[in-house]
Amino acid sequence: MQGEIFHLWVIEKPENMSINALRQEFPAEKAGLHVLIAPSEKPYHERKVTLLNGPHTVLSPVTYLSGVNIVRDACNHPVLGKYIRKVQFEELMETLNLPMEELRKFASDVLERFNNPYVDHQVTSIMLNSFPKYETRDLPGVKVYLERKGELPKGLVFGLAAIITYYKGGTRADGAPIEPNDAPEIMQLLKDLWATGDTQRVAEGVLAAENIWKENLNQTVPGLTALVKEYLDLIQEKGMLEAVKTIL
């Protein structure tokens, strides 16, 4: 059997048992396992979704539309690597409630995992159903960051604009076909919006799609519509790789 060295088993203790008592009954750490017993597993679930799945969702379209196909290569890219670290350490990590040193260690381990030399993780394999993934993994961070910092997280919003651009289809600069895949209603929505040729309508239309977001983000996240449009225009004008440089 083979597996990655990264593992974590979080056990939520029963209400009628102390953490120490559960450790004595189930001393898994003595076997060298990374087992954490906690009053609640929720903060650790949020940490995993936010710092592991969250960066995957936004790095994938930015990376792919920049002409890079493998997650590891993106991590080592002079521009894309900076983007990934910005999203991870400057934005997503700031939205969680666990001790900062603990979050920093987990975030670093995640990037080490992304950089695994034995796994050629294709970014296209991550991009299926990108909008629902963003809604679950990244949108909560956008809202918390805005609440805590008083401004939108540029990297995460740029990632959303990259997803929207990916769903435009067409071809990359190197001639590779862009073939998004999602629910038929989402595919049709993006096709119709991009057919207008108006990035304001594209931004407003995507953010208003309550079947994706369960809310109208034009109304519930101040400034998001304008920033998404700004980044859509930037990507159309400069191309993905040059556009991402402007937010680093």
Protein backbone atom coordinates (compact mmCIF):
# COMPACT_ATOMS: atom_id res chain seq x y z
CA MET A 1 0.00 0.00 0.00
CA GLN A 2 1.23 3.50 -0.84
CA GLY A 3 0.08 6.89 0.32
CA GLU A 4 1.16 10.45 0.96
CA ILE A 5 2.94 11.29 4.21
CA PHE A 6 0.32 13.96 4.95
CA HIS A 7 -2.55 12.75 7.09
CA LEU A 8 -4.74 13.96 9.93
CA TRP A 9 -7.52 12.27 11.85
CA VAL A 10 -9.60 14.66 13.92
CA ILE A 11 -11.87 13.04 16.52
CA GLU A 12 -14.61 15.05 18.16
CA LYS A 13 -14.85 13.91 21.76
CA PRO A 14 -18.19 12.82 23.23
CA GLU A 15 -19.82 15.34 25.55
CA ASN A 16 -19.59 12.96 28.52
CA MET A 17 -15.86 12.24 28.14
CA SER A 18 -12.77 14.38 28.60
CA ILE A 19 -10.06 14.64 25.97
CA ASN A 20 -7.53 12.97 28.27
CA ALA A 21 -9.88 10.07 29.00
CA LEU A 22 -10.43 9.52 25.28
CA ARG A 23 -6.68 9.62 24.65
CA GLN A 24 -6.17 6.92 27.25
CA GLU A 25 -8.92 4.78 25.75
CA PHE A 26 -7.69 5.33 22.19
CA PRO A 27 -3.92 6.10 22.30
CA ALA A 28 -3.51 6.33 18.54
CA GLU A 29 -0.68 8.86 18.77
CA LYS A 30 1.49 6.15 20.35
CA ALA A 31 1.37 4.37 16.99
CA GLY A 32 2.80 7.46 15.31
CA LEU A 33 -0.52 8.54 13.84
CA HIS A 34 -1.41 12.22 13.51
CA VAL A 35 -4.60 12.07 15.57
CA LEU A 36 -6.16 15.16 17.13
CA ILE A 37 -8.92 14.90 19.73
CA ALA A 38 -10.87 18.13 20.08
CA PRO A 39 -14.12 19.46 21.56
CA SER A 40 -15.31 20.16 17.99
CA GLU A 41 -14.06 19.07 14.59
CA LYS A 42 -15.59 22.11 12.87
CA PRO A 43 -12.53 24.44 12.98
CA TYR A 44 -10.36 21.70 11.51
CA HIS A 45 -12.88 20.88 8.80
CA GLU A 46 -12.99 24.59 7.91
CA ARG A 47 -9.18 24.70 7.90
CA LYS A 48 -8.99 21.79 5.47
CA VAL A 49 -11.65 23.14 3.11
CA THR A 50 -10.21 26.66 3.23
CA LEU A 51 -6.45 26.01 3.04
CA LEU A 52 -6.38 22.83 0.94
CA ASN A 53 -9.43 22.96 -1.31
CA GLY A 54 -9.70 26.76 -1.42
CA PRO A 55 -6.39 27.48 -3.16
CA HIS A 56 -6.91 24.55 -5.55
CA THR A 57 -10.14 26.11 -6.81
CA VAL A 58 -8.64 29.49 -7.70
CA LEU A 59 -5.13 28.43 -8.74
CA SER A 60 -6.49 26.03 -11.35
CA PRO A 61 -8.06 28.48 -13.84
CA VAL A 62 -5.31 31.06 -13.29
CA THR A 63 -2.68 28.40 -13.88
CA TYR A 64 -4.36 26.73 -16.85
CA LEU A 65 -5.10 30.00 -18.66
CA SER A 66 -1.47 31.01 -18.07
CA GLY A 67 -0.37 27.95 -20.07
CA VAL A 68 0.65 25.73 -17.14
CA ASN A 69 -1.01 22.33 -16.70
CA ILE A 70 0.43 20.80 -13.50
CA VAL A 71 -0.14 22.04 -9.93
CA ARG A 72 3.49 21.41 -8.99
CA ASP A 73 4.71 23.49 -11.93
CA ALA A 74 2.42 26.33 -10.87
CA CYS A 75 3.89 26.27 -7.35
CA ASN A 76 7.40 26.62 -8.81
CA HIS A 77 6.46 29.26 -11.39
CA PRO A 78 7.95 32.73 -10.66
CA VAL A 79 4.56 34.45 -11.03
CA LEU A 80 1.97 31.76 -10.32
CA GLY A 81 3.85 30.60 -7.22
CA LYS A 82 3.59 34.11 -5.80
CA TYR A 83 -0.13 34.16 -6.57
CA ILE A 84 -0.70 30.84 -4.80
CA ARG A 85 1.21 31.97 -1.71
CA LYS A 86 -0.64 35.30 -1.67
CA VAL A 87 -4.02 33.53 -1.66
CA GLN A 88 -2.87 31.00 0.93
CA PHE A 89 -0.95 33.10 3.47
CA GLU A 90 -2.24 36.64 2.98
CA GLU A 91 -5.92 35.95 2.35
CA LEU A 92 -7.41 32.55 3.19
CA MET A 93 -5.31 32.02 6.33
CA GLU A 94 -6.56 35.38 7.66
CA THR A 95 -10.18 34.19 7.63
CA LEU A 96 -9.84 31.29 10.08
CA ASN A 97 -10.04 31.16 13.86
CA LEU A 98 -7.34 28.71 14.91
CA PRO A 99 -3.94 29.87 16.30
CA MET A 100 -1.94 31.60 13.57
CA GLU A 101 1.18 29.49 14.04
CA GLU A 102 -0.89 26.33 13.66
CA LEU A 103 -2.53 27.71 10.51
CA ARG A 104 0.84 28.72 9.06
CA LYS A 105 2.21 25.21 9.58
CA PHE A 106 -0.83 23.61 7.94
CA ALA A 107 -0.73 26.07 5.03
CA SER A 108 2.98 25.33 4.48
CA ASP A 109 2.32 21.59 4.57
CA VAL A 110 -0.40 22.03 1.95
CA LEU A 111 1.97 23.80 -0.42
CA GLU A 112 4.55 21.09 0.15
CA ARG A 113 1.86 18.58 -0.77
CA PHE A 114 1.02 20.56 -3.93
CA ASN A 115 4.71 20.39 -4.82
CA ASN A 116 4.90 16.58 -4.63
CA PRO A 117 7.42 15.54 -7.32
CA TYR A 118 5.76 12.14 -7.71
CA VAL A 119 2.25 13.41 -8.54
CA ASP A 120 1.46 15.15 -11.83
CA HIS A 121 -1.78 16.74 -10.66
CA GLN A 122 -3.51 18.14 -13.75
CA VAL A 123 -5.24 21.45 -13.03
CA THR A 124 -8.02 20.54 -15.46
CA SER A 125 -9.00 17.67 -13.15
CA ILE A 126 -9.74 20.23 -10.43
CA MET A 127 -11.84 22.58 -12.56
CA LEU A 128 -14.97 20.46 -12.92
CA ASN A 129 -17.89 22.31 -11.27
CA SER A 130 -15.69 25.31 -10.42
CA PHE A 131 -18.53 27.65 -9.45
CA PRO A 132 -20.09 25.38 -6.80
CA LYS A 133 -16.59 24.67 -5.49
CA TYR A 134 -15.87 28.39 -5.22
CA GLU A 135 -19.16 28.93 -3.41
CA THR A 136 -18.23 26.31 -0.80
CA ARG A 137 -14.48 26.79 -0.49
CA ASP A 138 -13.66 30.43 -1.27
CA LEU A 139 -16.74 32.62 -1.02
CA PRO A 140 -16.91 32.30 2.80
CA GLY A 141 -13.32 33.56 2.93
CA VAL A 142 -14.15 36.49 0.66
CA LYS A 143 -16.91 37.55 3.05
CA VAL A 144 -14.89 37.09 6.25
CA TYR A 145 -11.87 38.88 4.79
CA LEU A 146 -14.05 41.82 3.77
CA GLU A 147 -15.59 41.93 7.23
CA ARG A 148 -12.22 41.78 9.02
CA LYS A 149 -10.08 43.88 6.69
CA GLY A 150 -12.58 46.31 5.19
CA GLU A 151 -11.55 45.39 1.65
CA LEU A 152 -11.96 42.51 -0.75
CA PRO A 153 -9.19 39.89 -1.06
CA LYS A 154 -7.69 40.60 -4.48
CA GLY A 155 -6.33 37.10 -5.07
CA LEU A 156 -9.60 35.34 -4.33
CA VAL A 157 -11.64 37.76 -6.43
CA PHE A 158 -9.13 37.48 -9.26
CA GLY A 159 -9.57 33.71 -9.03
CA LEU A 160 -13.31 34.13 -9.49
CA ALA A 161 -12.72 36.31 -12.54
CA ALA A 162 -10.40 33.59 -13.86
CA ILE A 163 -13.11 30.96 -13.43
CA ILE A 164 -15.58 33.16 -15.31
CA THR A 165 -12.99 33.66 -18.07
CA TYR A 166 -12.33 29.92 -18.25
CA TYR A 167 -16.04 29.32 -18.87
CA LYS A 168 -15.83 31.62 -21.89
CA GLY A 169 -14.10 28.77 -23.70
CA GLY A 170 -12.10 29.31 -26.87
CA THR A 171 -8.37 28.56 -26.98
CA ARG A 172 -5.34 29.37 -24.86
CA ALA A 173 -2.44 31.44 -26.17
CA ASP A 174 -0.64 28.18 -27.02
CA GLY A 175 -3.59 26.99 -29.09
CA ALA A 176 -4.87 24.42 -26.58
CA PRO A 177 -8.69 24.24 -26.58
CA ILE A 178 -10.43 25.47 -23.42
CA GLU A 179 -13.20 22.99 -22.64
CA PRO A 180 -15.12 23.86 -19.45
CA ASN A 181 -17.49 21.29 -18.00
CA ASP A 182 -20.34 21.97 -15.62
CA ALA A 183 -24.10 21.65 -15.18
CA PRO A 184 -25.96 22.47 -18.44
CA GLU A 185 -27.71 25.49 -16.91
CA ILE A 186 -24.40 27.01 -15.80
CA MET A 187 -22.80 26.36 -19.17
CA GLN A 188 -25.74 28.01 -20.94
CA LEU A 189 -25.69 31.00 -18.57
CA LEU A 190 -22.02 31.68 -19.25
CA LYS A 191 -22.44 31.17 -22.98
CA ASP A 192 -25.28 33.69 -23.09
CA LEU A 193 -23.48 36.23 -20.91
CA TRP A 194 -20.21 36.10 -22.84
CA ALA A 195 -22.16 36.39 -26.11
CA THR A 196 -23.12 39.94 -25.06
CA GLY A 197 -19.48 41.03 -25.24
CA ASP A 198 -20.11 43.22 -22.18
CA THR A 199 -18.02 42.35 -19.10
CA GLN A 200 -20.33 44.40 -16.87
CA ARG A 201 -23.23 42.17 -17.88
CA VAL A 202 -21.05 39.09 -17.51
CA ALA A 203 -20.03 40.03 -13.96
CA GLU A 204 -23.54 41.02 -12.92
CA GLY A 205 -25.11 37.95 -14.50
CA VAL A 206 -22.77 35.47 -12.87
CA LEU A 207 -22.96 37.11 -9.45
CA ALA A 208 -26.76 37.25 -9.65
CA ALA A 209 -27.06 33.49 -10.27
CA GLU A 210 -28.79 32.35 -7.09
CA ASN A 211 -28.79 28.75 -8.33
CA ILE A 212 -25.00 28.90 -7.82
CA TRP A 213 -24.58 31.22 -4.83
CA LYS A 214 -27.96 30.92 -3.05
CA GLU A 215 -27.97 34.73 -3.00
CA ASN A 216 -27.39 37.69 -5.31
CA LEU A 217 -23.75 38.59 -4.73
CA ASN A 218 -24.21 41.91 -6.52
CA GLN A 219 -26.29 42.94 -3.53
CA THR A 220 -24.74 41.03 -0.63
CA VAL A 221 -20.98 41.57 -1.15
CA PRO A 222 -20.21 45.29 -1.55
CA GLY A 223 -17.72 46.11 -4.28
CA LEU A 224 -17.54 42.59 -5.67
CA THR A 225 -19.25 43.33 -8.99
CA ALA A 226 -16.95 46.24 -9.81
CA LEU A 227 -13.78 44.31 -8.90
CA VAL A 228 -14.80 41.22 -10.87
CA LYS A 229 -15.49 43.40 -13.92
CA GLU A 230 -12.14 45.15 -13.46
CA TYR A 231 -10.32 41.82 -13.44
CA LEU A 232 -12.32 40.45 -16.37
CA ASP A 233 -11.29 43.50 -18.40
CA LEU A 234 -7.69 43.15 -17.26
CA ILE A 235 -7.55 39.48 -18.30
CA GLN A 236 -9.13 40.25 -21.69
CA GLU A 237 -6.67 43.08 -22.28
CA LYS A 238 -3.40 41.62 -21.00
CA GLY A 239 -3.89 37.86 -20.94
CA MET A 240 -3.94 35.79 -17.76
CA LEU A 241 -0.26 35.73 -16.83
CA GLU A 242 0.29 39.46 -17.30
CA ALA A 243 -3.00 40.24 -15.54
CA VAL A 244 -2.13 38.24 -12.42
CA LYS A 245 1.15 40.15 -12.09
CA THR A 246 -0.81 43.34 -11.42
CA ILE A 247 -2.24 42.05 -8.11
CA LEU A 248 0.99 40.66 -6.65
